[in-house]
Amino acid sequence: MAEKPEKRTVEQELRELATTLDKYGSGEARLTKEMVTDLSKAIHGIGGHLVDLHHRVEKLEENTPEWTTRGWDPPPGD
């Protein structure tokens, strides 16, 4: 039984997307309504996770001035 959406982790959601999209991995897949729906859900899901990640990184950078996307800067004066 699938977990409620609010209880699922990002990893679980991404693995489910990958499993859903695996069925289209063969070169013989033809574009169908179901395929377009699955791809649309995957794109929206991944996009949402990327936006969330971006917001978390921005918040981390605001609250921890020495942290950047390059890693940790040494403290001033060292």
N, C-alpha and C. Protein backbone atom coordinates (compact mmCIF):
# COMPACT_ATOMS: atom_id res chain seq x y z
N MET A 1 0.83 -1.17 0.00
CA MET A 1 0.00 0.00 0.00
C MET A 1 0.88 1.24 0.00
N ALA A 2 0.57 2.21 -0.83
CA ALA A 2 1.36 3.44 -0.93
C ALA A 2 1.13 4.30 0.31
N GLU A 3 2.21 4.99 0.70
CA GLU A 3 2.11 5.87 1.85
C GLU A 3 1.36 7.14 1.45
N LYS A 4 0.81 7.81 2.46
CA LYS A 4 0.16 9.09 2.20
C LYS A 4 1.22 10.06 1.67
N PRO A 5 0.86 10.93 0.72
CA PRO A 5 1.84 11.84 0.13
C PRO A 5 2.64 12.64 1.15
N GLU A 6 2.03 13.09 2.23
CA GLU A 6 2.76 13.91 3.20
C GLU A 6 3.77 13.10 4.01
N LYS A 7 3.68 11.79 3.99
CA LYS A 7 4.59 10.94 4.75
C LYS A 7 5.73 10.39 3.90
N ARG A 8 5.65 10.58 2.59
CA ARG A 8 6.66 10.03 1.69
C ARG A 8 7.86 10.96 1.61
N THR A 9 9.04 10.38 1.50
CA THR A 9 10.24 11.19 1.36
C THR A 9 10.44 11.55 -0.11
N VAL A 10 11.29 12.54 -0.33
CA VAL A 10 11.62 12.94 -1.70
C VAL A 10 12.23 11.76 -2.43
N GLU A 11 13.07 11.01 -1.75
CA GLU A 11 13.70 9.84 -2.39
C GLU A 11 12.64 8.83 -2.83
N GLN A 12 11.65 8.57 -2.00
CA GLN A 12 10.59 7.64 -2.36
C GLN A 12 9.83 8.14 -3.59
N GLU A 13 9.53 9.43 -3.62
CA GLU A 13 8.80 9.99 -4.75
C GLU A 13 9.61 9.89 -6.04
N LEU A 14 10.91 10.20 -5.96
CA LEU A 14 11.75 10.14 -7.16
C LEU A 14 11.93 8.70 -7.64
N ARG A 15 12.05 7.76 -6.71
CA ARG A 15 12.16 6.35 -7.11
C ARG A 15 10.87 5.88 -7.80
N GLU A 16 9.73 6.33 -7.28
CA GLU A 16 8.45 5.97 -7.90
C GLU A 16 8.35 6.56 -9.31
N LEU A 17 8.80 7.80 -9.47
CA LEU A 17 8.80 8.42 -10.80
C LEU A 17 9.68 7.62 -11.75
N ALA A 18 10.87 7.24 -11.28
CA ALA A 18 11.78 6.46 -12.13
C ALA A 18 11.15 5.14 -12.53
N THR A 19 10.51 4.47 -11.59
CA THR A 19 9.85 3.19 -11.88
C THR A 19 8.74 3.38 -12.91
N THR A 20 7.96 4.44 -12.73
CA THR A 20 6.86 4.73 -13.66
C THR A 20 7.41 4.97 -15.07
N LEU A 21 8.51 5.72 -15.16
CA LEU A 21 9.05 6.07 -16.47
C LEU A 21 9.87 4.95 -17.10
N ASP A 22 10.30 3.97 -16.30
CA ASP A 22 11.08 2.84 -16.84
C ASP A 22 10.35 2.09 -17.93
N LYS A 23 9.04 2.05 -17.86
CA LYS A 23 8.28 1.27 -18.85
C LYS A 23 8.39 1.89 -20.24
N TYR A 24 8.86 3.14 -20.32
CA TYR A 24 9.02 3.79 -21.62
C TYR A 24 10.47 3.75 -22.11
N GLY A 25 11.30 3.00 -21.42
CA GLY A 25 12.73 2.96 -21.75
C GLY A 25 13.07 2.27 -23.05
N SER A 26 12.22 1.43 -23.56
CA SER A 26 12.54 0.74 -24.81
C SER A 26 12.34 1.68 -25.99
N GLY A 27 13.08 1.47 -27.03
CA GLY A 27 12.96 2.29 -28.22
C GLY A 27 11.65 2.07 -28.96
N GLU A 28 10.89 1.07 -28.54
CA GLU A 28 9.65 0.75 -29.23
C GLU A 28 8.44 1.48 -28.63
N ALA A 29 8.66 2.27 -27.59
CA ALA A 29 7.53 2.96 -26.96
C ALA A 29 6.96 4.00 -27.91
N ARG A 30 5.66 3.99 -28.03
CA ARG A 30 4.97 4.98 -28.87
C ARG A 30 4.29 5.99 -27.96
N LEU A 31 4.26 7.22 -28.42
CA LEU A 31 3.66 8.28 -27.63
C LEU A 31 2.16 8.02 -27.47
N THR A 32 1.75 7.92 -26.22
CA THR A 32 0.34 7.71 -25.90
C THR A 32 -0.10 8.76 -24.89
N LYS A 33 -1.39 8.84 -24.68
CA LYS A 33 -1.93 9.77 -23.69
C LYS A 33 -1.38 9.45 -22.30
N GLU A 34 -1.28 8.16 -21.98
CA GLU A 34 -0.75 7.74 -20.68
C GLU A 34 0.71 8.16 -20.53
N MET A 35 1.48 8.02 -21.59
CA MET A 35 2.89 8.39 -21.54
C MET A 35 3.06 9.89 -21.32
N VAL A 36 2.28 10.69 -22.02
CA VAL A 36 2.35 12.14 -21.86
C VAL A 36 1.95 12.53 -20.43
N THR A 37 0.94 11.89 -19.89
CA THR A 37 0.51 12.16 -18.52
C THR A 37 1.61 11.82 -17.53
N ASP A 38 2.23 10.65 -17.69
CA ASP A 38 3.31 10.24 -16.79
C ASP A 38 4.50 11.19 -16.89
N LEU A 39 4.87 11.56 -18.11
CA LEU A 39 5.99 12.48 -18.28
C LEU A 39 5.68 13.84 -17.69
N SER A 40 4.47 14.31 -17.85
CA SER A 40 4.06 15.60 -17.29
C SER A 40 4.14 15.57 -15.77
N LYS A 41 3.64 14.50 -15.15
CA LYS A 41 3.71 14.37 -13.70
C LYS A 41 5.16 14.34 -13.24
N ALA A 42 6.01 13.62 -13.97
CA ALA A 42 7.42 13.52 -13.61
C ALA A 42 8.10 14.88 -13.68
N ILE A 43 7.85 15.61 -14.75
CA ILE A 43 8.47 16.92 -14.92
C ILE A 43 8.02 17.87 -13.82
N HIS A 44 6.72 17.89 -13.53
CA HIS A 44 6.21 18.76 -12.47
C HIS A 44 6.75 18.34 -11.10
N GLY A 45 6.83 17.04 -10.86
CA GLY A 45 7.35 16.55 -9.58
C GLY A 45 8.81 16.91 -9.38
N ILE A 46 9.62 16.67 -10.39
CA ILE A 46 11.05 17.00 -10.29
C ILE A 46 11.24 18.50 -10.17
N GLY A 47 10.47 19.26 -10.95
CA GLY A 47 10.56 20.72 -10.87
C GLY A 47 10.22 21.22 -9.48
N GLY A 48 9.19 20.66 -8.88
CA GLY A 48 8.82 21.05 -7.52
C GLY A 48 9.92 20.76 -6.53
N HIS A 49 10.57 19.60 -6.66
CA HIS A 49 11.66 19.26 -5.76
C HIS A 49 12.85 20.19 -5.96
N LEU A 50 13.13 20.57 -7.20
CA LEU A 50 14.23 21.50 -7.45
C LEU A 50 13.95 22.88 -6.85
N VAL A 51 12.73 23.34 -6.95
CA VAL A 51 12.36 24.62 -6.35
C VAL A 51 12.52 24.55 -4.83
N ASP A 52 12.05 23.47 -4.22
CA ASP A 52 12.21 23.30 -2.77
C ASP A 52 13.68 23.29 -2.38
N LEU A 53 14.49 22.58 -3.14
CA LEU A 53 15.93 22.52 -2.86
C LEU A 53 16.55 23.91 -2.97
N HIS A 54 16.18 24.66 -3.99
CA HIS A 54 16.69 26.01 -4.17
C HIS A 54 16.34 26.89 -2.96
N HIS A 55 15.09 26.81 -2.49
CA HIS A 55 14.68 27.60 -1.33
C HIS A 55 15.46 27.20 -0.08
N ARG A 56 15.70 25.91 0.09
CA ARG A 56 16.46 25.47 1.26
C ARG A 56 17.90 25.96 1.22
N VAL A 57 18.51 25.93 0.04
CA VAL A 57 19.89 26.41 -0.10
C VAL A 57 19.94 27.92 0.17
N GLU A 58 18.97 28.67 -0.38
CA GLU A 58 18.93 30.11 -0.12
C GLU A 58 18.80 30.40 1.38
N LYS A 59 17.91 29.67 2.05
CA LYS A 59 17.72 29.87 3.49
C LYS A 59 19.00 29.53 4.25
N LEU A 60 19.68 28.46 3.86
CA LEU A 60 20.92 28.07 4.51
C LEU A 60 21.98 29.15 4.31
N GLU A 61 22.06 29.69 3.10
CA GLU A 61 23.04 30.75 2.83
C GLU A 61 22.72 32.01 3.64
N GLU A 62 21.44 32.35 3.80
CA GLU A 62 21.06 33.53 4.57
C GLU A 62 21.36 33.36 6.05
N ASN A 63 21.14 32.17 6.59
CA ASN A 63 21.31 31.92 8.02
C ASN A 63 22.71 31.52 8.41
N THR A 64 23.53 31.15 7.46
CA THR A 64 24.90 30.72 7.74
C THR A 64 25.82 31.44 6.75
N PRO A 65 26.22 32.66 7.08
CA PRO A 65 26.94 33.49 6.11
C PRO A 65 28.22 32.85 5.57
N GLU A 66 28.88 32.04 6.34
CA GLU A 66 30.13 31.45 5.86
C GLU A 66 29.91 30.27 4.91
N TRP A 67 28.64 29.84 4.76
CA TRP A 67 28.35 28.71 3.87
C TRP A 67 27.95 29.26 2.51
N THR A 68 28.53 28.69 1.47
CA THR A 68 28.14 29.05 0.11
C THR A 68 27.95 27.76 -0.67
N THR A 69 27.49 27.87 -1.88
CA THR A 69 27.31 26.67 -2.69
C THR A 69 28.67 26.07 -3.05
N ARG A 70 29.75 26.81 -2.83
CA ARG A 70 31.10 26.28 -3.08
C ARG A 70 31.60 25.48 -1.89
N GLY A 71 30.92 25.58 -0.76
CA GLY A 71 31.34 24.90 0.45
C GLY A 71 31.53 25.91 1.56
N TRP A 72 32.36 25.58 2.54
CA TRP A 72 32.57 26.45 3.69
C TRP A 72 33.74 27.37 3.42
N ASP A 73 33.54 28.68 3.62
CA ASP A 73 34.63 29.64 3.55
C ASP A 73 35.30 29.68 4.92
N PRO A 74 36.61 29.85 4.94
CA PRO A 74 37.26 29.94 6.25
C PRO A 74 36.83 31.20 6.98
N PRO A 75 36.85 31.18 8.31
CA PRO A 75 36.47 32.36 9.08
C PRO A 75 37.40 33.53 8.74
N PRO A 76 36.89 34.77 8.84
CA PRO A 76 37.74 35.92 8.55
C PRO A 76 38.96 35.97 9.47
N GLY A 77 40.11 36.35 8.90
CA GLY A 77 41.33 36.52 9.69
C GLY A 77 42.19 35.28 9.77
N ASP A 78 41.75 34.18 9.24
CA ASP A 78 42.58 32.96 9.29
C ASP A 78 43.43 32.84 8.07
